[in-house]
PDB file of N, CA and C in Angstrom:
ATOM      1  N   MET A   1     220.263 -41.671  51.158  1.00  0.00           N
ATOM      2  CA  MET A   1     220.203 -42.256  52.448  1.00  0.00           C
ATOM      3  C   MET A   1     221.144 -43.448  52.200  1.00  0.00           C
ATOM      4  N   GLU A   2     222.142 -43.525  53.344  1.00  0.00           N
ATOM      5  CA  GLU A   2     223.272 -44.624  53.205  1.00  0.00           C
ATOM      6  C   GLU A   2     222.540 -45.895  53.875  1.00  0.00           C
ATOM      7  N   LEU A   3     222.819 -46.927  53.069  1.00  0.00           N
ATOM      8  CA  LEU A   3     222.266 -48.065  53.519  1.00  0.00           C
ATOM      9  C   LEU A   3     223.109 -48.981  54.294  1.00  0.00           C
ATOM     10  N   LYS A   4     222.533 -49.598  55.364  1.00  0.00           N
ATOM     11  CA  LYS A   4     223.590 -50.323  56.446  1.00  0.00           C
ATOM     12  C   LYS A   4     223.568 -51.688  55.617  1.00  0.00           C
ATOM     13  N   LYS A   5     224.581 -52.403  55.530  1.00  0.00           N
ATOM     14  CA  LYS A   5     224.849 -53.627  54.708  1.00  0.00           C
ATOM     15  C   LYS A   5     224.842 -54.801  56.086  1.00  0.00           C
ATOM     16  N   VAL A   6     223.760 -55.711  55.667  1.00  0.00           N
ATOM     17  CA  VAL A   6     223.723 -56.923  56.516  1.00  0.00           C
ATOM     18  C   VAL A   6     223.997 -58.214  55.376  1.00  0.00           C
ATOM     19  N   GLU A   7     224.972 -59.126  55.988  1.00  0.00           N
ATOM     20  CA  GLU A   7     225.318 -60.191  55.118  1.00  0.00           C
ATOM     21  C   GLU A   7     224.410 -61.325  55.508  1.00  0.00           C
ATOM     22  N   ALA A   8     224.042 -62.089  54.418  1.00  0.00           N
ATOM     23  CA  ALA A   8     223.413 -63.185  54.556  1.00  0.00           C
ATOM     24  C   ALA A   8     224.227 -64.352  53.803  1.00  0.00           C
ATOM     25  N   ALA A   9     224.807 -65.302  54.569  1.00  0.00           N
ATOM     26  CA  ALA A   9     225.524 -66.300  53.818  1.00  0.00           C
ATOM     27  C   ALA A   9     224.682 -67.322  53.272  1.00  0.00           C
ATOM     28  N   TYR A  10     225.041 -67.666  52.063  1.00  0.00           N
ATOM     29  CA  TYR A  10     224.344 -68.918  51.295  1.00  0.00           C
ATOM     30  C   TYR A  10     224.224 -70.211  52.154  1.00  0.00           C
ATOM     31  N   LYS A  11     225.398 -70.466  52.886  1.00  0.00           N
ATOM     32  CA  LYS A  11     225.521 -71.719  53.546  1.00  0.00           C
ATOM     33  C   LYS A  11     224.614 -71.571  54.763  1.00  0.00           C
ATOM     34  N   ASP A  12     224.136 -70.579  55.108  1.00  0.00           N
ATOM     35  CA  ASP A  12     223.194 -70.338  56.321  1.00  0.00           C
ATOM     36  C   ASP A  12     221.829 -70.485  55.880  1.00  0.00           C
ATOM     37  N   ILE A  13     221.728 -69.982  54.609  1.00  0.00           N
ATOM     38  CA  ILE A  13     220.129 -69.940  54.049  1.00  0.00           C
ATOM     39  C   ILE A  13     219.573 -71.220  53.572  1.00  0.00           C
ATOM     40  N   VAL A  14     220.679 -72.348  53.083  1.00  0.00           N
ATOM     41  CA  VAL A  14     220.455 -73.513  52.618  1.00  0.00           C
ATOM     42  C   VAL A  14     220.911 -74.584  53.441  1.00  0.00           C
ATOM     43  N   LEU A  15     220.144 -75.394  53.894  1.00  0.00           N
ATOM     44  CA  LEU A  15     220.822 -76.606  54.503  1.00  0.00           C
ATOM     45  C   LEU A  15     221.582 -77.547  53.799  1.00  0.00           C
ATOM     46  N   PRO A  16     222.408 -78.301  54.616  1.00  0.00           N
ATOM     47  CA  PRO A  16     223.369 -79.207  53.661  1.00  0.00           C
ATOM     48  C   PRO A  16     222.633 -80.217  52.678  1.00  0.00           C
ATOM     49  N   GLY A  17     221.552 -80.601  53.275  1.00  0.00           N
ATOM     50  CA  GLY A  17     220.858 -81.496  52.107  1.00  0.00           C
ATOM     51  C   GLY A  17     219.979 -80.714  51.028  1.00  0.00           C
ATOM     52  N   GLY A  18     219.922 -79.528  50.910  1.00  0.00           N
ATOM     53  CA  GLY A  18     219.006 -78.730  50.188  1.00  0.00           C
ATOM     54  C   GLY A  18     217.864 -78.086  51.015  1.00  0.00           C
ATOM     55  N   GLY A  19     217.173 -77.517  50.709  1.00  0.00           N
ATOM     56  CA  GLY A  19     215.991 -76.745  51.203  1.00  0.00           C
ATOM     57  C   GLY A  19     216.318 -75.765  52.080  1.00  0.00           C
ATOM     58  N   ALA A  20     215.488 -74.908  52.394  1.00  0.00           N
ATOM     59  CA  ALA A  20     215.810 -73.599  52.973  1.00  0.00           C
ATOM     60  C   ALA A  20     215.958 -73.871  54.787  1.00  0.00           C
ATOM     61  N   ASN A  21     216.847 -73.086  55.203  1.00  0.00           N
ATOM     62  CA  ASN A  21     217.070 -73.192  56.847  1.00  0.00           C
ATOM     63  C   ASN A  21     216.288 -71.924  57.278  1.00  0.00           C
ATOM     64  N   GLU A  22     214.808 -72.453  57.501  1.00  0.00           N
ATOM     65  CA  GLU A  22     213.995 -71.540  58.018  1.00  0.00           C
ATOM     66  C   GLU A  22     214.209 -70.911  59.438  1.00  0.00           C
ATOM     67  N   GLU A  23     215.045 -71.857  60.369  1.00  0.00           N
ATOM     68  CA  GLU A  23     215.363 -71.106  61.446  1.00  0.00           C
ATOM     69  C   GLU A  23     216.249 -70.013  61.256  1.00  0.00           C
ATOM     70  N   PHE A  24     217.322 -70.189  60.316  1.00  0.00           N
ATOM     71  CA  PHE A  24     217.950 -69.095  60.058  1.00  0.00           C
ATOM     72  C   PHE A  24     217.403 -67.735  59.855  1.00  0.00           C
ATOM     73  N   LEU A  25     216.405 -67.985  58.778  1.00  0.00           N
ATOM     74  CA  LEU A  25     215.806 -66.930  58.187  1.00  0.00           C
ATOM     75  C   LEU A  25     214.954 -66.223  59.185  1.00  0.00           C
ATOM     76  N   ALA A  26     214.205 -67.084  60.107  1.00  0.00           N
ATOM     77  CA  ALA A  26     213.431 -66.383  61.039  1.00  0.00           C
ATOM     78  C   ALA A  26     214.337 -65.522  61.976  1.00  0.00           C
ATOM     79  N   ALA A  27     215.625 -66.079  62.257  1.00  0.00           N
ATOM     80  CA  ALA A  27     216.534 -65.162  63.089  1.00  0.00           C
ATOM     81  C   ALA A  27     217.001 -63.949  62.289  1.00  0.00           C
ATOM     82  N   LEU A  28     217.116 -63.988  60.888  1.00  0.00           N
ATOM     83  CA  LEU A  28     217.594 -62.862  60.343  1.00  0.00           C
ATOM     84  C   LEU A  28     216.519 -62.021  60.189  1.00  0.00           C
ATOM     85  N   ARG A  29     215.165 -62.319  60.144  1.00  0.00           N
ATOM     86  CA  ARG A  29     214.034 -61.403  60.071  1.00  0.00           C
ATOM     87  C   ARG A  29     213.915 -60.832  61.494  1.00  0.00           C
ATOM     88  N   GLU A  30     214.262 -61.483  62.398  1.00  0.00           N
ATOM     89  CA  GLU A  30     214.118 -60.887  63.849  1.00  0.00           C
ATOM     90  C   GLU A  30     215.157 -59.885  64.012  1.00  0.00           C
ATOM     91  N   LYS A  31     216.612 -60.023  63.544  1.00  0.00           N
ATOM     92  CA  LYS A  31     217.613 -59.108  63.496  1.00  0.00           C
ATOM     93  C   LYS A  31     217.211 -57.863  62.780  1.00  0.00           C
ATOM     94  N   LEU A  32     216.579 -58.015  61.687  1.00  0.00           N
ATOM     95  CA  LEU A  32     216.131 -56.819  60.856  1.00  0.00           C
ATOM     96  C   LEU A  32     215.070 -56.003  61.502  1.00  0.00           C
ATOM     97  N   LYS A  33     213.998 -56.789  62.075  1.00  0.00           N
ATOM     98  CA  LYS A  33     213.018 -56.144  62.864  1.00  0.00           C
ATOM     99  C   LYS A  33     213.408 -55.314  64.043  1.00  0.00           C
ATOM    100  N   GLY A  34     214.448 -55.890  64.558  1.00  0.00           N
ATOM    101  CA  GLY A  34     215.129 -55.150  65.879  1.00  0.00           C
ATOM    102  C   GLY A  34     215.822 -53.981  65.273  1.00  0.00           C
ATOM    103  N   MET A  35     216.442 -54.013  64.087  1.00  0.00           N
ATOM    104  CA  MET A  35     217.078 -52.751  63.671  1.00  0.00           C
ATOM    105  C   MET A  35     215.999 -51.756  63.368  1.00  0.00           C
ATOM    106  N   GLU A  36     215.142 -52.012  62.735  1.00  0.00           N
ATOM    107  CA  GLU A  36     213.914 -51.136  62.449  1.00  0.00           C
ATOM    108  C   GLU A  36     213.467 -50.460  63.623  1.00  0.00           C
ATOM    109  N   GLU A  37     213.329 -51.289  64.896  1.00  0.00           N
ATOM    110  CA  GLU A  37     212.985 -50.653  65.881  1.00  0.00           C
ATOM    111  C   GLU A  37     213.804 -49.651  66.643  1.00  0.00           C
ATOM    112  N   GLY A  38     215.117 -49.904  66.233  1.00  0.00           N
ATOM    113  CA  GLY A  38     216.329 -49.018  66.761  1.00  0.00           C
ATOM    114  C   GLY A  38     216.436 -47.914  65.899  1.00  0.00           C
ATOM    115  N   GLY A  39     215.443 -47.626  64.752  1.00  0.00           N
ATOM    116  CA  GLY A  39     215.443 -46.641  64.041  1.00  0.00           C
ATOM    117  C   GLY A  39     216.273 -46.498  62.721  1.00  0.00           C
ATOM    118  N   CYS A  40     216.812 -47.733  62.421  1.00  0.00           N
ATOM    119  CA  CYS A  40     217.350 -48.145  61.258  1.00  0.00           C
ATOM    120  C   CYS A  40     216.335 -48.137  59.848  1.00  0.00           C
ATOM    121  N   GLN A  41     216.492 -47.192  58.977  1.00  0.00           N
ATOM    122  CA  GLN A  41     215.649 -47.053  57.702  1.00  0.00           C
ATOM    123  C   GLN A  41     216.132 -47.606  56.638  1.00  0.00           C
ATOM    124  N   GLY A  42     217.369 -48.072  56.572  1.00  0.00           N
ATOM    125  CA  GLY A  42     217.703 -48.504  55.175  1.00  0.00           C
ATOM    126  C   GLY A  42     218.870 -49.552  55.246  1.00  0.00           C
ATOM    127  N   VAL A  43     218.341 -50.917  54.915  1.00  0.00           N
ATOM    128  CA  VAL A  43     219.336 -52.068  54.942  1.00  0.00           C
ATOM    129  C   VAL A  43     219.561 -52.410  53.621  1.00  0.00           C
ATOM    130  N   LEU A  44     220.607 -52.791  53.081  1.00  0.00           N
ATOM    131  CA  LEU A  44     220.927 -53.779  51.807  1.00  0.00           C
ATOM    132  C   LEU A  44     221.694 -55.182  52.278  1.00  0.00           C
ATOM    133  N   ILE A  45     220.616 -56.063  51.805  1.00  0.00           N
ATOM    134  CA  ILE A  45     221.255 -57.502  52.101  1.00  0.00           C
ATOM    135  C   ILE A  45     222.425 -57.797  51.340  1.00  0.00           C
ATOM    136  N   CYS A  46     223.456 -58.402  51.847  1.00  0.00           N
ATOM    137  CA  CYS A  46     224.705 -58.731  51.078  1.00  0.00           C
ATOM    138  C   CYS A  46     224.579 -60.261  51.087  1.00  0.00           C
ATOM    139  N   PRO A  47     224.431 -60.849  49.876  1.00  0.00           N
ATOM    140  CA  PRO A  47     224.623 -62.312  49.533  1.00  0.00           C
ATOM    141  C   PRO A  47     226.165 -62.445  49.952  1.00  0.00           C
ATOM    142  N   LEU A  48     226.399 -63.613  50.576  1.00  0.00           N
ATOM    143  CA  LEU A  48     227.694 -64.017  50.972  1.00  0.00           C
ATOM    144  C   LEU A  48     228.009 -65.588  50.501  1.00  0.00           C
ATOM    145  N   PHE A  49     228.902 -66.051  49.602  1.00  0.00           N
ATOM    146  CA  PHE A  49     229.228 -67.226  49.321  1.00  0.00           C
ATOM    147  C   PHE A  49     230.493 -67.167  48.626  1.00  0.00           C
ATOM    148  N   GLY A  50     230.992 -68.602  48.555  1.00  0.00           N
ATOM    149  CA  GLY A  50     232.426 -68.620  48.131  1.00  0.00           C
ATOM    150  C   GLY A  50     232.428 -68.705  46.539  1.00  0.00           C
ATOM    151  N   ALA A  51     233.395 -68.863  45.847  1.00  0.00           N
ATOM    152  CA  ALA A  51     233.543 -69.029  44.540  1.00  0.00           C
ATOM    153  C   ALA A  51     233.160 -70.662  44.155  1.00  0.00           C
ATOM    154  N   GLU A  52     233.414 -71.445  45.086  1.00  0.00           N
ATOM    155  CA  GLU A  52     233.171 -72.871  45.124  1.00  0.00           C
ATOM    156  C   GLU A  52     231.742 -73.064  45.112  1.00  0.00           C
ATOM    157  N   ASP A  53     230.858 -72.229  45.575  1.00  0.00           N
ATOM    158  CA  ASP A  53     229.440 -72.482  45.544  1.00  0.00           C
ATOM    159  C   ASP A  53     228.804 -71.874  44.191  1.00  0.00           C
ATOM    160  N   CYS A  54     229.688 -71.272  43.324  1.00  0.00           N
ATOM    161  CA  CYS A  54     228.902 -70.709  42.163  1.00  0.00           C
ATOM    162  C   CYS A  54     229.928 -70.857  40.917  1.00  0.00           C
ATOM    163  N   LYS A  55     229.995 -72.147  40.444  1.00  0.00           N
ATOM    164  CA  LYS A  55     230.902 -72.524  39.542  1.00  0.00           C
ATOM    165  C   LYS A  55     230.268 -72.468  38.085  1.00  0.00           C
ATOM    166  N   ASP A  56     229.040 -72.530  37.948  1.00  0.00           N
ATOM    167  CA  ASP A  56     228.406 -72.436  36.736  1.00  0.00           C
ATOM    168  C   ASP A  56     226.912 -71.644  36.778  1.00  0.00           C
ATOM    169  N   THR A  57     226.305 -71.536  35.659  1.00  0.00           N
ATOM    170  CA  THR A  57     225.159 -70.711  35.505  1.00  0.00           C
ATOM    171  C   THR A  57     223.990 -71.449  36.506  1.00  0.00           C
ATOM    172  N   ASP A  58     223.972 -73.029  36.647  1.00  0.00           N
ATOM    173  CA  ASP A  58     222.930 -73.708  37.274  1.00  0.00           C
ATOM    174  C   ASP A  58     223.093 -73.312  38.558  1.00  0.00           C
ATOM    175  N   ALA A  59     224.460 -73.280  39.159  1.00  0.00           N
ATOM    176  CA  ALA A  59     224.659 -72.912  40.551  1.00  0.00           C
ATOM    177  C   ALA A  59     224.186 -71.499  40.612  1.00  0.00           C
ATOM    178  N   ALA A  60     224.535 -70.428  39.897  1.00  0.00           N
ATOM    179  CA  ALA A  60     224.130 -69.155  40.167  1.00  0.00           C
ATOM    180  C   ALA A  60     222.417 -69.089  40.340  1.00  0.00           C
ATOM    181  N   LEU A  61     221.768 -69.941  39.354  1.00  0.00           N
ATOM    182  CA  LEU A  61     220.512 -69.928  39.510  1.00  0.00           C
ATOM    183  C   LEU A  61     219.960 -70.486  40.852  1.00  0.00           C
ATOM    184  N   GLU A  62     220.654 -71.571  41.215  1.00  0.00           N
ATOM    185  CA  GLU A  62     220.188 -72.149  42.696  1.00  0.00           C
ATOM    186  C   GLU A  62     220.354 -71.187  43.803  1.00  0.00           C
ATOM    187  N   ILE A  63     221.417 -70.343  43.520  1.00  0.00           N
ATOM    188  CA  ILE A  63     221.719 -69.151  44.496  1.00  0.00           C
ATOM    189  C   ILE A  63     220.856 -68.213  44.430  1.00  0.00           C
ATOM    190  N   THR A  64     220.466 -67.770  43.348  1.00  0.00           N
ATOM    191  CA  THR A  64     219.304 -66.819  43.260  1.00  0.00           C
ATOM    192  C   THR A  64     218.138 -67.255  43.721  1.00  0.00           C
ATOM    193  N   ALA A  65     217.588 -68.509  43.593  1.00  0.00           N
ATOM    194  CA  ALA A  65     216.442 -68.844  44.135  1.00  0.00           C
ATOM    195  C   ALA A  65     216.551 -68.796  45.648  1.00  0.00           C
ATOM    196  N   ALA A  66     217.645 -69.135  46.284  1.00  0.00           N
ATOM    197  CA  ALA A  66     217.893 -69.199  47.709  1.00  0.00           C
ATOM    198  C   ALA A  66     217.596 -67.753  48.207  1.00  0.00           C
ATOM    199  N   TYR A  67     218.204 -66.786  47.499  1.00  0.00           N
ATOM    200  CA  TYR A  67     218.014 -65.439  47.975  1.00  0.00           C
ATOM    201  C   TYR A  67     216.663 -64.899  47.662  1.00  0.00           C
ATOM    202  N   LYS A  68     215.972 -65.413  46.883  1.00  0.00           N
ATOM    203  CA  LYS A  68     214.527 -64.905  46.161  1.00  0.00           C
ATOM    204  C   LYS A  68     213.620 -65.507  47.680  1.00  0.00           C
ATOM    205  N   HIS A  69     213.903 -66.846  48.087  1.00  0.00           N
ATOM    206  CA  HIS A  69     213.279 -67.295  49.269  1.00  0.00           C
ATOM    207  C   HIS A  69     213.458 -66.425  50.515  1.00  0.00           C
ATOM    208  N   CYS A  70     214.643 -66.001  50.462  1.00  0.00           N
ATOM    209  CA  CYS A  70     215.129 -65.150  51.714  1.00  0.00           C
ATOM    210  C   CYS A  70     214.405 -63.908  51.507  1.00  0.00           C
ATOM    211  N   ALA A  71     214.130 -63.195  50.515  1.00  0.00           N
ATOM    212  CA  ALA A  71     213.429 -62.009  50.396  1.00  0.00           C
ATOM    213  C   ALA A  71     212.076 -62.181  50.753  1.00  0.00           C
ATOM    214  N   ARG A  72     211.479 -63.378  50.416  1.00  0.00           N
ATOM    215  CA  ARG A  72     210.158 -63.713  50.965  1.00  0.00           C
ATOM    216  C   ARG A  72     209.976 -63.765  52.426  1.00  0.00           C
ATOM    217  N   ARG A  73     210.939 -64.264  53.106  1.00  0.00           N
ATOM    218  CA  ARG A  73     210.897 -64.428  54.423  1.00  0.00           C
ATOM    219  C   ARG A  73     211.099 -63.131  55.259  1.00  0.00           C
ATOM    220  N   ILE A  74     211.701 -62.097  54.606  1.00  0.00           N
ATOM    221  CA  ILE A  74     211.851 -60.867  55.109  1.00  0.00           C
ATOM    222  C   ILE A  74     211.065 -59.537  54.525  1.00  0.00           C
ATOM    223  N   LYS A  75     210.041 -60.294  53.866  1.00  0.00           N
ATOM    224  CA  LYS A  75     209.187 -59.018  53.173  1.00  0.00           C
ATOM    225  C   LYS A  75     208.511 -57.935  54.111  1.00  0.00           C
ATOM    226  N   ASP A  76     208.233 -58.323  55.203  1.00  0.00           N
ATOM    227  CA  ASP A  76     207.639 -57.318  56.130  1.00  0.00           C
ATOM    228  C   ASP A  76     208.645 -56.398  56.938  1.00  0.00           C
ATOM    229  N   CYS A  77     209.962 -56.566  56.616  1.00  0.00           N
ATOM    230  CA  CYS A  77     210.950 -55.700  57.032  1.00  0.00           C
ATOM    231  C   CYS A  77     210.970 -54.432  56.351  1.00  0.00           C
ATOM    232  N   GLN A  78     210.272 -53.414  56.813  1.00  0.00           N
ATOM    233  CA  GLN A  78     210.277 -52.093  55.968  1.00  0.00           C
ATOM    234  C   GLN A  78     211.778 -51.656  55.599  1.00  0.00           C
ATOM    235  N   ALA A  79     212.667 -51.896  56.530  1.00  0.00           N
ATOM    236  CA  ALA A  79     214.053 -51.237  56.415  1.00  0.00           C
ATOM    237  C   ALA A  79     214.783 -51.874  55.305  1.00  0.00           C
ATOM    238  N   VAL A  80     214.413 -52.971  54.708  1.00  0.00           N
ATOM    239  CA  VAL A  80     215.070 -53.516  53.661  1.00  0.00           C
ATOM    240  C   VAL A  80     214.788 -52.872  52.490  1.00  0.00           C
ATOM    241  N   LYS A  81     215.865 -52.335  51.703  1.00  0.00           N
ATOM    242  CA  LYS A  81     215.540 -51.503  50.550  1.00  0.00           C
ATOM    243  C   LYS A  81     216.113 -52.307  49.293  1.00  0.00           C
ATOM    244  N   GLY A  82     216.890 -53.408  49.503  1.00  0.00           N
ATOM    245  CA  GLY A  82     217.303 -54.205  48.312  1.00  0.00           C
ATOM    246  C   GLY A  82     218.404 -54.917  48.668  1.00  0.00           C
ATOM    247  N   PHE A  83     219.096 -55.621  47.528  1.00  0.00           N
ATOM    248  CA  PHE A  83     220.164 -56.440  47.760  1.00  0.00           C
ATOM    249  C   PHE A  83     221.345 -56.199  46.983  1.00  0.00           C
ATOM    250  N   GLU A  84     222.490 -56.530  47.583  1.00  0.00           N
ATOM    251  CA  GLU A  84     223.897 -56.352  46.732  1.00  0.00           C
ATOM    252  C   GLU A  84     223.881 -57.249  45.706  1.00  0.00           C
ATOM    253  N   ILE A  85     224.310 -56.864  44.407  1.00  0.00           N
ATOM    254  CA  ILE A  85     224.550 -57.844  43.381  1.00  0.00           C
ATOM    255  C   ILE A  85     225.760 -58.726  43.871  1.00  0.00           C
ATOM    256  N   PRO A  86     225.594 -60.043  43.815  1.00  0.00           N
ATOM    257  CA  PRO A  86     226.629 -60.751  44.296  1.00  0.00           C
ATOM    258  C   PRO A  86     228.046 -60.756  43.368  1.00  0.00           C
ATOM    259  N   ALA A  87     229.103 -60.316  43.795  1.00  0.00           N
ATOM    260  CA  ALA A  87     230.214 -60.275  43.140  1.00  0.00           C
ATOM    261  C   ALA A  87     230.709 -61.272  42.198  1.00  0.00           C
ATOM    262  N   ALA A  88     230.540 -62.359  42.879  1.00  0.00           N
ATOM    263  CA  ALA A  88     230.945 -63.675  42.190  1.00  0.00           C
ATOM    264  C   ALA A  88     229.990 -63.657  40.663  1.00  0.00           C
ATOM    265  N   PHE A  89     228.890 -63.207  40.615  1.00  0.00           N
ATOM    266  CA  PHE A  89     228.252 -63.205  39.333  1.00  0.00           C
ATOM    267  C   PHE A  89     228.615 -62.319  38.167  1.00  0.00           C
ATOM    268  N   LYS A  90     229.521 -61.258  38.646  1.00  0.00           N
ATOM    269  CA  LYS A  90     229.944 -60.352  37.769  1.00  0.00           C
ATOM    270  C   LYS A  90     231.110 -61.048  36.820  1.00  0.00           C
ATOM    271  N   GLY A  91     231.683 -61.906  37.274  1.00  0.00           N
ATOM    272  CA  GLY A  91     232.789 -62.440  36.749  1.00  0.00           C
ATOM    273  C   GLY A  91     232.631 -63.629  35.953  1.00  0.00           C
ATOM    274  N   MET A  92     231.311 -64.160  35.852  1.00  0.00           N
ATOM    275  CA  MET A  92     230.936 -65.401  35.148  1.00  0.00           C
ATOM    276  C   MET A  92     230.608 -65.170  33.740  1.00  0.00           C
ATOM    277  N   ASP A  93     230.816 -66.398  32.937  1.00  0.00           N
ATOM    278  CA  ASP A  93     230.138 -66.173  31.476  1.00  0.00           C
ATOM    279  C   ASP A  93     228.820 -66.022  31.755  1.00  0.00           C
ATOM    280  N   ARG A  94     228.280 -65.153  30.766  1.00  0.00           N
ATOM    281  CA  ARG A  94     226.938 -64.736  30.779  1.00  0.00           C
ATOM    282  C   ARG A  94     226.406 -63.838  32.099  1.00  0.00           C
ATOM    283  N   ALA A  95     227.618 -63.167  32.428  1.00  0.00           N
ATOM    284  CA  ALA A  95     227.357 -62.444  33.717  1.00  0.00           C
ATOM    285  C   ALA A  95     226.139 -61.449  33.619  1.00  0.00           C
ATOM    286  N   ASP A  96     226.067 -60.629  32.668  1.00  0.00           N
ATOM    287  CA  ASP A  96     224.731 -59.893  32.480  1.00  0.00           C
ATOM    288  C   ASP A  96     223.542 -60.500  32.524  1.00  0.00           C
ATOM    289  N   GLU A  97     223.271 -61.770  32.050  1.00  0.00           N
ATOM    290  CA  GLU A  97     222.009 -62.486  32.122  1.00  0.00           C
ATOM    291  C   GLU A  97     221.716 -63.019  33.566  1.00  0.00           C
ATOM    292  N   ILE A  98     222.823 -63.477  34.100  1.00  0.00           N
ATOM    293  CA  ILE A  98     222.820 -63.877  35.497  1.00  0.00           C
ATOM    294  C   ILE A  98     222.264 -62.870  36.282  1.00  0.00           C
ATOM    295  N   ILE A  99     222.963 -61.650  36.399  1.00  0.00           N
ATOM    296  CA  ILE A  99     222.622 -60.526  36.986  1.00  0.00           C
ATOM    297  C   ILE A  99     221.214 -59.976  36.915  1.00  0.00           C
ATOM    298  N   GLU A 100     220.846 -59.991  35.531  1.00  0.00           N
ATOM    299  CA  GLU A 100     219.481 -59.571  35.303  1.00  0.00           C
ATOM    300  C   GLU A 100     218.379 -60.496  35.684  1.00  0.00           C
ATOM    301  N   ASN A 101     218.791 -61.883  35.765  1.00  0.00           N
ATOM    302  CA  ASN A 101     217.894 -62.845  36.331  1.00  0.00           C
ATOM    303  C   ASN A 101     217.764 -62.498  37.826  1.00  0.00           C
ATOM    304  N   PHE A 102     218.862 -62.334  38.667  1.00  0.00           N
ATOM    305  CA  PHE A 102     218.927 -62.260  39.981  1.00  0.00           C
ATOM    306  C   PHE A 102     217.910 -60.927  40.152  1.00  0.00           C
ATOM    307  N   LYS A 103     218.066 -59.991  39.553  1.00  0.00           N
ATOM    308  CA  LYS A 103     217.244 -58.727  39.792  1.00  0.00           C
ATOM    309  C   LYS A 103     215.645 -58.910  39.655  1.00  0.00           C
ATOM    310  N   SER A 104     215.422 -59.680  38.348  1.00  0.00           N
ATOM    311  CA  SER A 104     214.008 -59.709  38.046  1.00  0.00           C
ATOM    312  C   SER A 104     213.418 -60.852  38.929  1.00  0.00           C
ATOM    313  N   GLU A 105     214.128 -61.686  39.486  1.00  0.00           N
ATOM    314  CA  GLU A 105     213.515 -62.813  40.331  1.00  0.00           C
ATOM    315  C   GLU A 105     213.046 -62.107  41.704  1.00  0.00           C
ATOM    316  N   LEU A 106     214.074 -61.362  42.239  1.00  0.00           N
ATOM    317  CA  LEU A 106     213.781 -60.592  43.425  1.00  0.00           C
ATOM    318  C   LEU A 106     212.676 -59.485  43.268  1.00  0.00           C
ATOM    319  N   LEU A 107     212.644 -58.759  41.937  1.00  0.00           N
ATOM    320  CA  LEU A 107     211.887 -57.748  41.787  1.00  0.00           C
ATOM    321  C   LEU A 107     210.293 -58.179  41.650  1.00  0.00           C
ATOM    322  N   GLU A 108     210.216 -59.420  41.255  1.00  0.00           N
ATOM    323  CA  GLU A 108     209.045 -59.976  41.026  1.00  0.00           C
ATOM    324  C   GLU A 108     207.916 -59.787  42.219  1.00  0.00           C
ATOM    325  N   LYS A 109     208.284 -59.976  43.377  1.00  0.00           N
ATOM    326  CA  LYS A 109     207.410 -59.578  44.597  1.00  0.00           C
ATOM    327  C   LYS A 109     207.940 -58.211  45.367  1.00  0.00           C
ATOM    328  N   HIS A 110     209.051 -57.970  44.982  1.00  0.00           N
ATOM    329  CA  HIS A 110     209.389 -56.860  45.840  1.00  0.00           C
ATOM    330  C   HIS A 110     209.896 -55.694  44.684  1.00  0.00           C
ATOM    331  N   PRO A 111     209.059 -54.893  44.151  1.00  0.00           N
ATOM    332  CA  PRO A 111     209.265 -54.104  42.947  1.00  0.00           C
ATOM    333  C   PRO A 111     210.019 -52.826  43.574  1.00  0.00           C
ATOM    334  N   HIS A 112     210.117 -52.709  44.879  1.00  0.00           N
ATOM    335  CA  HIS A 112     210.718 -51.482  45.349  1.00  0.00           C
ATOM    336  C   HIS A 112     212.203 -51.487  45.541  1.00  0.00           C
ATOM    337  N   TYR A 113     212.707 -52.930  45.648  1.00  0.00           N
ATOM    338  CA  TYR A 113     214.274 -52.986  45.870  1.00  0.00           C
ATOM    339  C   TYR A 113     215.205 -52.330  44.817  1.00  0.00           C
ATOM    340  N   VAL A 114     216.150 -51.948  45.574  1.00  0.00           N
ATOM    341  CA  VAL A 114     217.248 -51.441  44.518  1.00  0.00           C
ATOM    342  C   VAL A 114     218.500 -52.505  44.837  1.00  0.00           C
ATOM    343  N   PHE A 115     219.341 -52.291  43.865  1.00  0.00           N
ATOM    344  CA  PHE A 115     220.492 -53.278  43.721  1.00  0.00           C
ATOM    345  C   PHE A 115     221.837 -52.516  43.676  1.00  0.00           C
ATOM    346  N   GLU A 116     222.831 -52.971  44.236  1.00  0.00           N
ATOM    347  CA  GLU A 116     223.955 -52.246  44.325  1.00  0.00           C
ATOM    348  C   GLU A 116     225.243 -53.145  43.842  1.00  0.00           C
TER     349      GLU A 116
END
């Protein structure tokens, strides 16, 4: 099955002062539910952020936490099959650890997720 990609920008998920943007996450959930109602059976969430957002391991952990929260807010969207591994993570020091952490954090509550 080919997965339809849906971008979720970090700047939309996290408010400027920190904390989750629940309004955005609710809108994302509604969009995904609408796609399901339209017959879509496979969605891959694509994290979107700039290199300036991911300068070090601590930033990568914060980004991972934001997408973990995102996954919790869309947990009832059956069409969501997983997440794309952020490209920025692949070029970082300790990339393998950061990527494995991203996967394990999301798999904790969503063991069916796939990662591309």
